[in-house]
Amino acid sequence: MIMRNVFDDVFDDDAVSPLSTPDSGSGTAVLERPETRTEGQKTDDGDADRFAHYVSKERMAESRLTGRPVVALCGKVWVPKHNPSDYPVCPDCKRIYDEMR
């Protein structure tokens, strides 16, 4: 009685591997997604955007404790570091706030 290895069928040299011909047959394809940049999300890039933005007091206090960024009404994302009374109010935040009232 001759014993066959159960892997002989799996690793048969004559068998065509699905990986050797990926374009034929059925299977899963990977679609490449082009990299997109969202213009709606603003970050603190420096001195160009020096406004006092509208953020809830709770979020501001949490950010000061944790160091996590906050999101203003206008969409600007930043970590508060400066005294907001030293800067003019962001016109977009003011407009959005006035529309909400």
PDB file of N, CA and C in Angstrom:
ATOM      1  N   MET A   1       0.845  -1.157   0.000  1.00  0.00           N
ATOM      2  CA  MET A   1       0.000   0.000   0.000  1.00  0.00           C
ATOM      3  C   MET A   1       0.906   1.240   0.000  1.00  0.00           C
ATOM      4  N   ILE A   2       0.646   2.128  -0.912  1.00  0.00           N
ATOM      5  CA  ILE A   2       1.438   3.353  -1.040  1.00  0.00           C
ATOM      6  C   ILE A   2       0.654   4.496  -0.423  1.00  0.00           C
ATOM      7  N   MET A   3       1.304   5.192   0.485  1.00  0.00           N
ATOM      8  CA  MET A   3       0.667   6.332   1.146  1.00  0.00           C
ATOM      9  C   MET A   3       0.961   7.592   0.336  1.00  0.00           C
ATOM     10  N   ARG A   4      -0.060   8.351   0.101  1.00  0.00           N
ATOM     11  CA  ARG A   4       0.112   9.635  -0.595  1.00  0.00           C
ATOM     12  C   ARG A   4       0.064  10.757   0.420  1.00  0.00           C
ATOM     13  N   ASN A   5       0.848  11.732   0.183  1.00  0.00           N
ATOM     14  CA  ASN A   5       0.833  12.912   1.012  1.00  0.00           C
ATOM     15  C   ASN A   5      -0.387  13.750   0.621  1.00  0.00           C
ATOM     16  N   VAL A   6      -1.136  14.226   1.588  1.00  0.00           N
ATOM     17  CA  VAL A   6      -2.346  15.001   1.279  1.00  0.00           C
ATOM     18  C   VAL A   6      -2.008  16.323   0.602  1.00  0.00           C
ATOM     19  N   PHE A   7      -0.776  16.766   0.727  1.00  0.00           N
ATOM     20  CA  PHE A   7      -0.376  18.020   0.098  1.00  0.00           C
ATOM     21  C   PHE A   7       0.053  17.846  -1.352  1.00  0.00           C
ATOM     22  N   ASP A   8       0.152  16.598  -1.831  1.00  0.00           N
ATOM     23  CA  ASP A   8       0.557  16.379  -3.212  1.00  0.00           C
ATOM     24  C   ASP A   8      -0.433  17.014  -4.185  1.00  0.00           C
ATOM     25  N   ASP A   9      -1.725  16.940  -3.861  1.00  0.00           N
ATOM     26  CA  ASP A   9      -2.726  17.534  -4.747  1.00  0.00           C
ATOM     27  C   ASP A   9      -2.696  19.060  -4.679  1.00  0.00           C
ATOM     28  N   VAL A  10      -2.422  19.577  -3.507  1.00  0.00           N
ATOM     29  CA  VAL A  10      -2.422  21.032  -3.334  1.00  0.00           C
ATOM     30  C   VAL A  10      -1.219  21.658  -4.026  1.00  0.00           C
ATOM     31  N   PHE A  11      -0.064  21.041  -3.885  1.00  0.00           N
ATOM     32  CA  PHE A  11       1.165  21.602  -4.431  1.00  0.00           C
ATOM     33  C   PHE A  11       1.611  20.868  -5.683  1.00  0.00           C
ATOM     34  N   ASP A  12       0.671  20.435  -6.478  1.00  0.00           N
ATOM     35  CA  ASP A  12       0.979  19.736  -7.716  1.00  0.00           C
ATOM     36  C   ASP A  12       1.646  20.706  -8.682  1.00  0.00           C
ATOM     37  N   ASP A  13       2.787  20.315  -9.234  1.00  0.00           N
ATOM     38  CA  ASP A  13       3.528  21.187 -10.145  1.00  0.00           C
ATOM     39  C   ASP A  13       2.770  21.443 -11.439  1.00  0.00           C
ATOM     40  N   ASP A  14       1.896  20.530 -11.835  1.00  0.00           N
ATOM     41  CA  ASP A  14       1.173  20.685 -13.088  1.00  0.00           C
ATOM     42  C   ASP A  14      -0.073  21.552 -12.931  1.00  0.00           C
ATOM     43  N   ALA A  15      -0.523  21.741 -11.716  1.00  0.00           N
ATOM     44  CA  ALA A  15      -1.727  22.532 -11.489  1.00  0.00           C
ATOM     45  C   ALA A  15      -1.436  24.006 -11.725  1.00  0.00           C
ATOM     46  N   VAL A  16      -2.434  24.720 -12.239  1.00  0.00           N
ATOM     47  CA  VAL A  16      -2.299  26.152 -12.484  1.00  0.00           C
ATOM     48  C   VAL A  16      -2.765  26.887 -11.230  1.00  0.00           C
ATOM     49  N   SER A  17      -1.912  27.692 -10.687  1.00  0.00           N
ATOM     50  CA  SER A  17      -2.233  28.439  -9.492  1.00  0.00           C
ATOM     51  C   SER A  17      -3.027  29.686  -9.865  1.00  0.00           C
ATOM     52  N   PRO A  18      -4.052  30.034  -9.090  1.00  0.00           N
ATOM     53  CA  PRO A  18      -4.783  31.265  -9.379  1.00  0.00           C
ATOM     54  C   PRO A  18      -3.894  32.498  -9.280  1.00  0.00           C
ATOM     55  N   LEU A  19      -2.823  32.407  -8.509  1.00  0.00           N
ATOM     56  CA  LEU A  19      -1.928  33.546  -8.369  1.00  0.00           C
ATOM     57  C   LEU A  19      -1.009  33.711  -9.572  1.00  0.00           C
ATOM     58  N   SER A  20      -0.813  32.630 -10.342  1.00  0.00           N
ATOM     59  CA  SER A  20       0.059  32.739 -11.500  1.00  0.00           C
ATOM     60  C   SER A  20      -0.625  33.436 -12.664  1.00  0.00           C
ATOM     61  N   THR A  21      -1.956  33.407 -12.717  1.00  0.00           N
ATOM     62  CA  THR A  21      -2.709  34.107 -13.768  1.00  0.00           C
ATOM     63  C   THR A  21      -3.812  34.924 -13.108  1.00  0.00           C
ATOM     64  N   PRO A  22      -3.490  36.082 -12.547  1.00  0.00           N
ATOM     65  CA  PRO A  22      -4.476  36.841 -11.782  1.00  0.00           C
ATOM     66  C   PRO A  22      -5.581  37.464 -12.629  1.00  0.00           C
ATOM     67  N   ASP A  23      -5.372  37.636 -13.934  1.00  0.00           N
ATOM     68  CA  ASP A  23      -6.372  38.290 -14.773  1.00  0.00           C
ATOM     69  C   ASP A  23      -7.453  37.343 -15.275  1.00  0.00           C
ATOM     70  N   SER A  24      -7.256  36.068 -15.127  1.00  0.00           N
ATOM     71  CA  SER A  24      -8.249  35.124 -15.634  1.00  0.00           C
ATOM     72  C   SER A  24      -9.082  34.573 -14.486  1.00  0.00           C
ATOM     73  N   GLY A  25     -10.324  34.234 -14.784  1.00  0.00           N
ATOM     74  CA  GLY A  25     -11.184  33.640 -13.777  1.00  0.00           C
ATOM     75  C   GLY A  25     -11.808  34.679 -12.872  1.00  0.00           C
ATOM     76  N   SER A  26     -12.507  34.172 -11.878  1.00  0.00           N
ATOM     77  CA  SER A  26     -13.169  35.081 -10.952  1.00  0.00           C
ATOM     78  C   SER A  26     -12.320  35.251  -9.710  1.00  0.00           C
ATOM     79  N   GLY A  27     -12.572  36.312  -8.998  1.00  0.00           N
ATOM     80  CA  GLY A  27     -11.814  36.581  -7.798  1.00  0.00           C
ATOM     81  C   GLY A  27     -12.104  37.980  -7.305  1.00  0.00           C
ATOM     82  N   THR A  28     -11.261  38.444  -6.478  1.00  0.00           N
ATOM     83  CA  THR A  28     -11.422  39.776  -5.909  1.00  0.00           C
ATOM     84  C   THR A  28     -10.422  40.717  -6.550  1.00  0.00           C
ATOM     85  N   ALA A  29     -10.909  41.865  -6.960  1.00  0.00           N
ATOM     86  CA  ALA A  29     -10.038  42.870  -7.550  1.00  0.00           C
ATOM     87  C   ALA A  29      -9.879  44.030  -6.573  1.00  0.00           C
ATOM     88  N   VAL A  30      -8.773  44.704  -6.674  1.00  0.00           N
ATOM     89  CA  VAL A  30      -8.513  45.863  -5.829  1.00  0.00           C
ATOM     90  C   VAL A  30      -8.553  47.098  -6.705  1.00  0.00           C
ATOM     91  N   LEU A  31      -9.397  48.031  -6.327  1.00  0.00           N
ATOM     92  CA  LEU A  31      -9.475  49.286  -7.060  1.00  0.00           C
ATOM     93  C   LEU A  31      -8.673  50.335  -6.308  1.00  0.00           C
ATOM     94  N   GLU A  32      -7.819  51.033  -7.015  1.00  0.00           N
ATOM     95  CA  GLU A  32      -7.028  52.086  -6.400  1.00  0.00           C
ATOM     96  C   GLU A  32      -7.887  53.338  -6.284  1.00  0.00           C
ATOM     97  N   ARG A  33      -7.903  53.937  -5.114  1.00  0.00           N
ATOM     98  CA  ARG A  33      -8.644  55.166  -4.901  1.00  0.00           C
ATOM     99  C   ARG A  33      -7.667  56.331  -4.995  1.00  0.00           C
ATOM    100  N   PRO A  34      -7.951  57.285  -5.866  1.00  0.00           N
ATOM    101  CA  PRO A  34      -7.036  58.425  -5.952  1.00  0.00           C
ATOM    102  C   PRO A  34      -7.052  59.229  -4.659  1.00  0.00           C
ATOM    103  N   GLU A  35      -5.918  59.770  -4.312  1.00  0.00           N
ATOM    104  CA  GLU A  35      -5.812  60.545  -3.089  1.00  0.00           C
ATOM    105  C   GLU A  35      -6.505  61.887  -3.289  1.00  0.00           C
ATOM    106  N   THR A  36      -7.402  62.201  -2.371  1.00  0.00           N
ATOM    107  CA  THR A  36      -8.122  63.467  -2.472  1.00  0.00           C
ATOM    108  C   THR A  36      -7.815  64.307  -1.256  1.00  0.00           C
ATOM    109  N   ARG A  37      -7.809  65.598  -1.443  1.00  0.00           N
ATOM    110  CA  ARG A  37      -7.580  66.526  -0.342  1.00  0.00           C
ATOM    111  C   ARG A  37      -8.874  67.261  -0.075  1.00  0.00           C
ATOM    112  N   THR A  38      -9.241  67.338   1.188  1.00  0.00           N
ATOM    113  CA  THR A  38     -10.452  68.063   1.534  1.00  0.00           C
ATOM    114  C   THR A  38     -10.098  69.500   1.815  1.00  0.00           C
ATOM    115  N   GLU A  39     -10.719  70.392   1.072  1.00  0.00           N
ATOM    116  CA  GLU A  39     -10.464  71.806   1.240  1.00  0.00           C
ATOM    117  C   GLU A  39     -11.268  72.388   2.390  1.00  0.00           C
ATOM    118  N   GLY A  40     -12.317  71.678   2.835  1.00  0.00           N
ATOM    119  CA  GLY A  40     -13.180  72.188   3.879  1.00  0.00           C
ATOM    120  C   GLY A  40     -12.534  72.189   5.252  1.00  0.00           C
ATOM    121  N   GLN A  41     -11.548  71.327   5.453  1.00  0.00           N
ATOM    122  CA  GLN A  41     -10.932  71.241   6.767  1.00  0.00           C
ATOM    123  C   GLN A  41      -9.675  72.092   6.786  1.00  0.00           C
ATOM    124  N   LYS A  42      -9.648  73.071   7.672  1.00  0.00           N
ATOM    125  CA  LYS A  42      -8.530  73.998   7.753  1.00  0.00           C
ATOM    126  C   LYS A  42      -7.674  73.628   8.951  1.00  0.00           C
ATOM    127  N   THR A  43      -6.395  73.814   8.811  1.00  0.00           N
ATOM    128  CA  THR A  43      -5.499  73.550   9.930  1.00  0.00           C
ATOM    129  C   THR A  43      -4.723  74.811  10.267  1.00  0.00           C
ATOM    130  N   ASP A  44      -4.147  74.850  11.434  1.00  0.00           N
ATOM    131  CA  ASP A  44      -3.385  76.003  11.859  1.00  0.00           C
ATOM    132  C   ASP A  44      -1.996  75.931  11.245  1.00  0.00           C
ATOM    133  N   ASP A  45      -1.819  76.639  10.131  1.00  0.00           N
ATOM    134  CA  ASP A  45      -0.548  76.599   9.414  1.00  0.00           C
ATOM    135  C   ASP A  45       0.399  77.719   9.833  1.00  0.00           C
ATOM    136  N   GLY A  46       0.006  78.527  10.777  1.00  0.00           N
ATOM    137  CA  GLY A  46       0.899  79.594  11.194  1.00  0.00           C
ATOM    138  C   GLY A  46       0.157  80.893  11.399  1.00  0.00           C
ATOM    139  N   ASP A  47       0.818  81.975  11.054  1.00  0.00           N
ATOM    140  CA  ASP A  47       0.292  83.308  11.329  1.00  0.00           C
ATOM    141  C   ASP A  47      -0.741  83.780  10.318  1.00  0.00           C
ATOM    142  N   ALA A  48      -0.969  83.054   9.243  1.00  0.00           N
ATOM    143  CA  ALA A  48      -1.875  83.519   8.197  1.00  0.00           C
ATOM    144  C   ALA A  48      -3.315  83.623   8.693  1.00  0.00           C
ATOM    145  N   ASP A  49      -3.726  82.761   9.604  1.00  0.00           N
ATOM    146  CA  ASP A  49      -5.112  82.768  10.069  1.00  0.00           C
ATOM    147  C   ASP A  49      -5.135  83.098  11.554  1.00  0.00           C
ATOM    148  N   ARG A  50      -5.162  84.372  11.877  1.00  0.00           N
ATOM    149  CA  ARG A  50      -5.175  84.802  13.277  1.00  0.00           C
ATOM    150  C   ARG A  50      -6.523  85.410  13.617  1.00  0.00           C
ATOM    151  N   PHE A  51      -7.468  84.519  13.947  1.00  0.00           N
ATOM    152  CA  PHE A  51      -8.799  84.939  14.359  1.00  0.00           C
ATOM    153  C   PHE A  51      -9.169  84.226  15.647  1.00  0.00           C
ATOM    154  N   ALA A  52     -10.115  84.806  16.362  1.00  0.00           N
ATOM    155  CA  ALA A  52     -10.725  84.140  17.510  1.00  0.00           C
ATOM    156  C   ALA A  52     -11.943  83.396  16.966  1.00  0.00           C
ATOM    157  N   HIS A  53     -11.947  82.076  17.113  1.00  0.00           N
ATOM    158  CA  HIS A  53     -13.005  81.239  16.546  1.00  0.00           C
ATOM    159  C   HIS A  53     -14.018  80.851  17.609  1.00  0.00           C
ATOM    160  N   TYR A  54     -15.211  80.482  17.158  1.00  0.00           N
ATOM    161  CA  TYR A  54     -16.281  80.074  18.061  1.00  0.00           C
ATOM    162  C   TYR A  54     -16.198  78.569  18.314  1.00  0.00           C
ATOM    163  N   VAL A  55     -16.034  78.206  19.598  1.00  0.00           N
ATOM    164  CA  VAL A  55     -15.994  76.810  20.041  1.00  0.00           C
ATOM    165  C   VAL A  55     -16.727  76.771  21.373  1.00  0.00           C
ATOM    166  N   SER A  56     -17.419  75.669  21.650  1.00  0.00           N
ATOM    167  CA  SER A  56     -18.140  75.573  22.924  1.00  0.00           C
ATOM    168  C   SER A  56     -17.149  75.594  24.091  1.00  0.00           C
ATOM    169  N   LYS A  57     -17.603  76.126  25.215  1.00  0.00           N
ATOM    170  CA  LYS A  57     -16.746  76.229  26.399  1.00  0.00           C
ATOM    171  C   LYS A  57     -16.303  74.856  26.879  1.00  0.00           C
ATOM    172  N   GLU A  58     -17.210  73.873  26.771  1.00  0.00           N
ATOM    173  CA  GLU A  58     -16.869  72.512  27.213  1.00  0.00           C
ATOM    174  C   GLU A  58     -15.740  71.929  26.367  1.00  0.00           C
ATOM    175  N   ARG A  59     -15.828  72.125  25.049  1.00  0.00           N
ATOM    176  CA  ARG A  59     -14.782  71.599  24.159  1.00  0.00           C
ATOM    177  C   ARG A  59     -13.452  72.315  24.392  1.00  0.00           C
ATOM    178  N   MET A  60     -13.536  73.611  24.643  1.00  0.00           N
ATOM    179  CA  MET A  60     -12.319  74.388  24.897  1.00  0.00           C
ATOM    180  C   MET A  60     -11.643  73.908  26.183  1.00  0.00           C
ATOM    181  N   ALA A  61     -12.420  73.698  27.232  1.00  0.00           N
ATOM    182  CA  ALA A  61     -11.862  73.223  28.500  1.00  0.00           C
ATOM    183  C   ALA A  61     -11.264  71.824  28.337  1.00  0.00           C
ATOM    184  N   GLU A  62     -11.959  70.973  27.606  1.00  0.00           N
ATOM    185  CA  GLU A  62     -11.450  69.616  27.367  1.00  0.00           C
ATOM    186  C   GLU A  62     -10.137  69.656  26.591  1.00  0.00           C
ATOM    187  N   SER A  63     -10.060  70.536  25.602  1.00  0.00           N
ATOM    188  CA  SER A  63      -8.844  70.652  24.802  1.00  0.00           C
ATOM    189  C   SER A  63      -7.666  71.141  25.636  1.00  0.00           C
ATOM    190  N   ARG A  64      -7.934  72.054  26.542  1.00  0.00           N
ATOM    191  CA  ARG A  64      -6.854  72.560  27.397  1.00  0.00           C
ATOM    192  C   ARG A  64      -6.322  71.476  28.325  1.00  0.00           C
ATOM    193  N   LEU A  65      -7.181  70.549  28.727  1.00  0.00           N
ATOM    194  CA  LEU A  65      -6.748  69.453  29.598  1.00  0.00           C
ATOM    195  C   LEU A  65      -6.046  68.342  28.840  1.00  0.00           C
ATOM    196  N   THR A  66      -6.584  68.002  27.670  1.00  0.00           N
ATOM    197  CA  THR A  66      -6.079  66.840  26.931  1.00  0.00           C
ATOM    198  C   THR A  66      -5.086  67.184  25.830  1.00  0.00           C
ATOM    199  N   GLY A  67      -5.128  68.429  25.339  1.00  0.00           N
ATOM    200  CA  GLY A  67      -4.250  68.804  24.229  1.00  0.00           C
ATOM    201  C   GLY A  67      -4.792  68.394  22.868  1.00  0.00           C
ATOM    202  N   ARG A  68      -6.020  67.901  22.845  1.00  0.00           N
ATOM    203  CA  ARG A  68      -6.632  67.493  21.579  1.00  0.00           C
ATOM    204  C   ARG A  68      -7.147  68.712  20.823  1.00  0.00           C
ATOM    205  N   PRO A  69      -7.156  68.655  19.501  1.00  0.00           N
ATOM    206  CA  PRO A  69      -7.648  69.791  18.717  1.00  0.00           C
ATOM    207  C   PRO A  69      -9.155  69.973  18.849  1.00  0.00           C
ATOM    208  N   VAL A  70      -9.597  71.194  18.611  1.00  0.00           N
ATOM    209  CA  VAL A  70     -11.017  71.528  18.608  1.00  0.00           C
ATOM    210  C   VAL A  70     -11.413  71.912  17.184  1.00  0.00           C
ATOM    211  N   VAL A  71     -12.726  71.879  16.928  1.00  0.00           N
ATOM    212  CA  VAL A  71     -13.250  72.263  15.626  1.00  0.00           C
ATOM    213  C   VAL A  71     -14.158  73.457  15.823  1.00  0.00           C
ATOM    214  N   ALA A  72     -13.839  74.557  15.153  1.00  0.00           N
ATOM    215  CA  ALA A  72     -14.640  75.775  15.249  1.00  0.00           C
ATOM    216  C   ALA A  72     -15.875  75.648  14.364  1.00  0.00           C
ATOM    217  N   LEU A  73     -16.803  76.583  14.530  1.00  0.00           N
ATOM    218  CA  LEU A  73     -18.009  76.583  13.701  1.00  0.00           C
ATOM    219  C   LEU A  73     -17.676  76.668  12.217  1.00  0.00           C
ATOM    220  N   CYS A  74     -16.618  77.371  11.870  1.00  0.00           N
ATOM    221  CA  CYS A  74     -16.245  77.544  10.462  1.00  0.00           C
ATOM    222  C   CYS A  74     -15.532  76.325   9.896  1.00  0.00           C
ATOM    223  N   GLY A  75     -15.179  75.367  10.746  1.00  0.00           N
ATOM    224  CA  GLY A  75     -14.506  74.155  10.279  1.00  0.00           C
ATOM    225  C   GLY A  75     -13.017  74.129  10.569  1.00  0.00           C
ATOM    226  N   LYS A  76     -12.476  75.196  11.074  1.00  0.00           N
ATOM    227  CA  LYS A  76     -11.045  75.222  11.386  1.00  0.00           C
ATOM    228  C   LYS A  76     -10.748  74.262  12.533  1.00  0.00           C
ATOM    229  N   VAL A  77      -9.686  73.479  12.365  1.00  0.00           N
ATOM    230  CA  VAL A  77      -9.254  72.511  13.368  1.00  0.00           C
ATOM    231  C   VAL A  77      -7.895  72.975  13.903  1.00  0.00           C
ATOM    232  N   TRP A  78      -7.792  73.118  15.225  1.00  0.00           N
ATOM    233  CA  TRP A  78      -6.538  73.566  15.813  1.00  0.00           C
ATOM    234  C   TRP A  78      -6.516  73.262  17.299  1.00  0.00           C
ATOM    235  N   VAL A  79      -5.344  73.357  17.869  1.00  0.00           N
ATOM    236  CA  VAL A  79      -5.175  73.217  19.317  1.00  0.00           C
ATOM    237  C   VAL A  79      -5.021  74.632  19.868  1.00  0.00           C
ATOM    238  N   PRO A  80      -5.956  75.093  20.708  1.00  0.00           N
ATOM    239  CA  PRO A  80      -5.885  76.451  21.230  1.00  0.00           C
ATOM    240  C   PRO A  80      -4.633  76.667  22.081  1.00  0.00           C
ATOM    241  N   LYS A  81      -3.902  77.744  21.769  1.00  0.00           N
ATOM    242  CA  LYS A  81      -2.679  78.055  22.513  1.00  0.00           C
ATOM    243  C   LYS A  81      -2.611  79.525  22.913  1.00  0.00           C
ATOM    244  N   HIS A  82      -3.392  80.383  22.257  1.00  0.00           N
ATOM    245  CA  HIS A  82      -3.282  81.821  22.463  1.00  0.00           C
ATOM    246  C   HIS A  82      -4.556  82.370  23.090  1.00  0.00           C
ATOM    247  N   ASN A  83      -4.458  83.563  23.622  1.00  0.00           N
ATOM    248  CA  ASN A  83      -5.597  84.251  24.209  1.00  0.00           C
ATOM    249  C   ASN A  83      -6.491  84.772  23.073  1.00  0.00           C
ATOM    250  N   PRO A  84      -7.732  84.306  22.962  1.00  0.00           N
ATOM    251  CA  PRO A  84      -8.585  84.712  21.846  1.00  0.00           C
ATOM    252  C   PRO A  84      -8.964  86.191  21.876  1.00  0.00           C
ATOM    253  N   SER A  85      -8.867  86.844  23.033  1.00  0.00           N
ATOM    254  CA  SER A  85      -9.233  88.263  23.100  1.00  0.00           C
ATOM    255  C   SER A  85      -8.211  89.149  22.393  1.00  0.00           C
ATOM    256  N   ASP A  86      -7.054  88.602  22.042  1.00  0.00           N
ATOM    257  CA  ASP A  86      -6.034  89.361  21.326  1.00  0.00           C
ATOM    258  C   ASP A  86      -6.280  89.420  19.822  1.00  0.00           C
ATOM    259  N   TYR A  87      -7.284  88.700  19.325  1.00  0.00           N
ATOM    260  CA  TYR A  87      -7.509  88.587  17.882  1.00  0.00           C
ATOM    261  C   TYR A  87      -8.938  88.974  17.517  1.00  0.00           C
ATOM    262  N   PRO A  88      -9.147  89.397  16.278  1.00  0.00           N
ATOM    263  CA  PRO A  88     -10.514  89.696  15.832  1.00  0.00           C
ATOM    264  C   PRO A  88     -11.314  88.401  15.660  1.00  0.00           C
ATOM    265  N   VAL A  89     -12.637  88.516  15.743  1.00  0.00           N
ATOM    266  CA  VAL A  89     -13.516  87.349  15.612  1.00  0.00           C
ATOM    267  C   VAL A  89     -13.538  86.887  14.159  1.00  0.00           C
ATOM    268  N   CYS A  90     -13.479  85.583  13.970  1.00  0.00           N
ATOM    269  CA  CYS A  90     -13.539  84.993  12.629  1.00  0.00           C
ATOM    270  C   CYS A  90     -14.885  85.349  11.985  1.00  0.00           C
ATOM    271  N   PRO A  91     -14.870  85.949  10.798  1.00  0.00           N
ATOM    272  CA  PRO A  91     -16.133  86.344  10.170  1.00  0.00           C
ATOM    273  C   PRO A  91     -17.038  85.156   9.828  1.00  0.00           C
ATOM    274  N   ASP A  92     -16.459  84.023   9.447  1.00  0.00           N
ATOM    275  CA  ASP A  92     -17.269  82.837   9.123  1.00  0.00           C
ATOM    276  C   ASP A  92     -17.935  82.279  10.378  1.00  0.00           C
ATOM    277  N   CYS A  93     -17.191  82.206  11.477  1.00  0.00           N
ATOM    278  CA  CYS A  93     -17.771  81.728  12.736  1.00  0.00           C
ATOM    279  C   CYS A  93     -18.903  82.645  13.186  1.00  0.00           C
ATOM    280  N   LYS A  94     -18.692  83.954  13.084  1.00  0.00           N
ATOM    281  CA  LYS A  94     -19.706  84.920  13.502  1.00  0.00           C
ATOM    282  C   LYS A  94     -20.965  84.785  12.657  1.00  0.00           C
ATOM    283  N   ARG A  95     -20.801  84.636  11.344  1.00  0.00           N
ATOM    284  CA  ARG A  95     -21.949  84.482  10.441  1.00  0.00           C
ATOM    285  C   ARG A  95     -22.733  83.214  10.767  1.00  0.00           C
ATOM    286  N   ILE A  96     -22.041  82.106  10.972  1.00  0.00           N
ATOM    287  CA  ILE A  96     -22.689  80.831  11.278  1.00  0.00           C
ATOM    288  C   ILE A  96     -23.414  80.921  12.632  1.00  0.00           C
ATOM    289  N   TYR A  97     -22.760  81.521  13.608  1.00  0.00           N
ATOM    290  CA  TYR A  97     -23.359  81.663  14.933  1.00  0.00           C
ATOM    291  C   TYR A  97     -24.637  82.510  14.857  1.00  0.00           C
ATOM    292  N   ASP A  98     -24.574  83.614  14.112  1.00  0.00           N
ATOM    293  CA  ASP A  98     -25.746  84.472  13.963  1.00  0.00           C
ATOM    294  C   ASP A  98     -26.905  83.758  13.257  1.00  0.00           C
ATOM    295  N   GLU A  99     -26.590  82.883  12.309  1.00  0.00           N
ATOM    296  CA  GLU A  99     -27.623  82.123  11.605  1.00  0.00           C
ATOM    297  C   GLU A  99     -28.266  81.079  12.505  1.00  0.00           C
ATOM    298  N   MET A 100     -27.501  80.593  13.488  1.00  0.00           N
ATOM    299  CA  MET A 100     -28.032  79.561  14.385  1.00  0.00           C
ATOM    300  C   MET A 100     -28.972  80.144  15.431  1.00  0.00           C
ATOM    301  N   ARG A 101     -28.872  81.429  15.726  1.00  0.00           N
ATOM    302  CA  ARG A 101     -29.693  82.037  16.779  1.00  0.00           C
ATOM    303  C   ARG A 101     -31.063  82.328  16.310  1.00  0.00           C
TER     304      ARG A 101
END
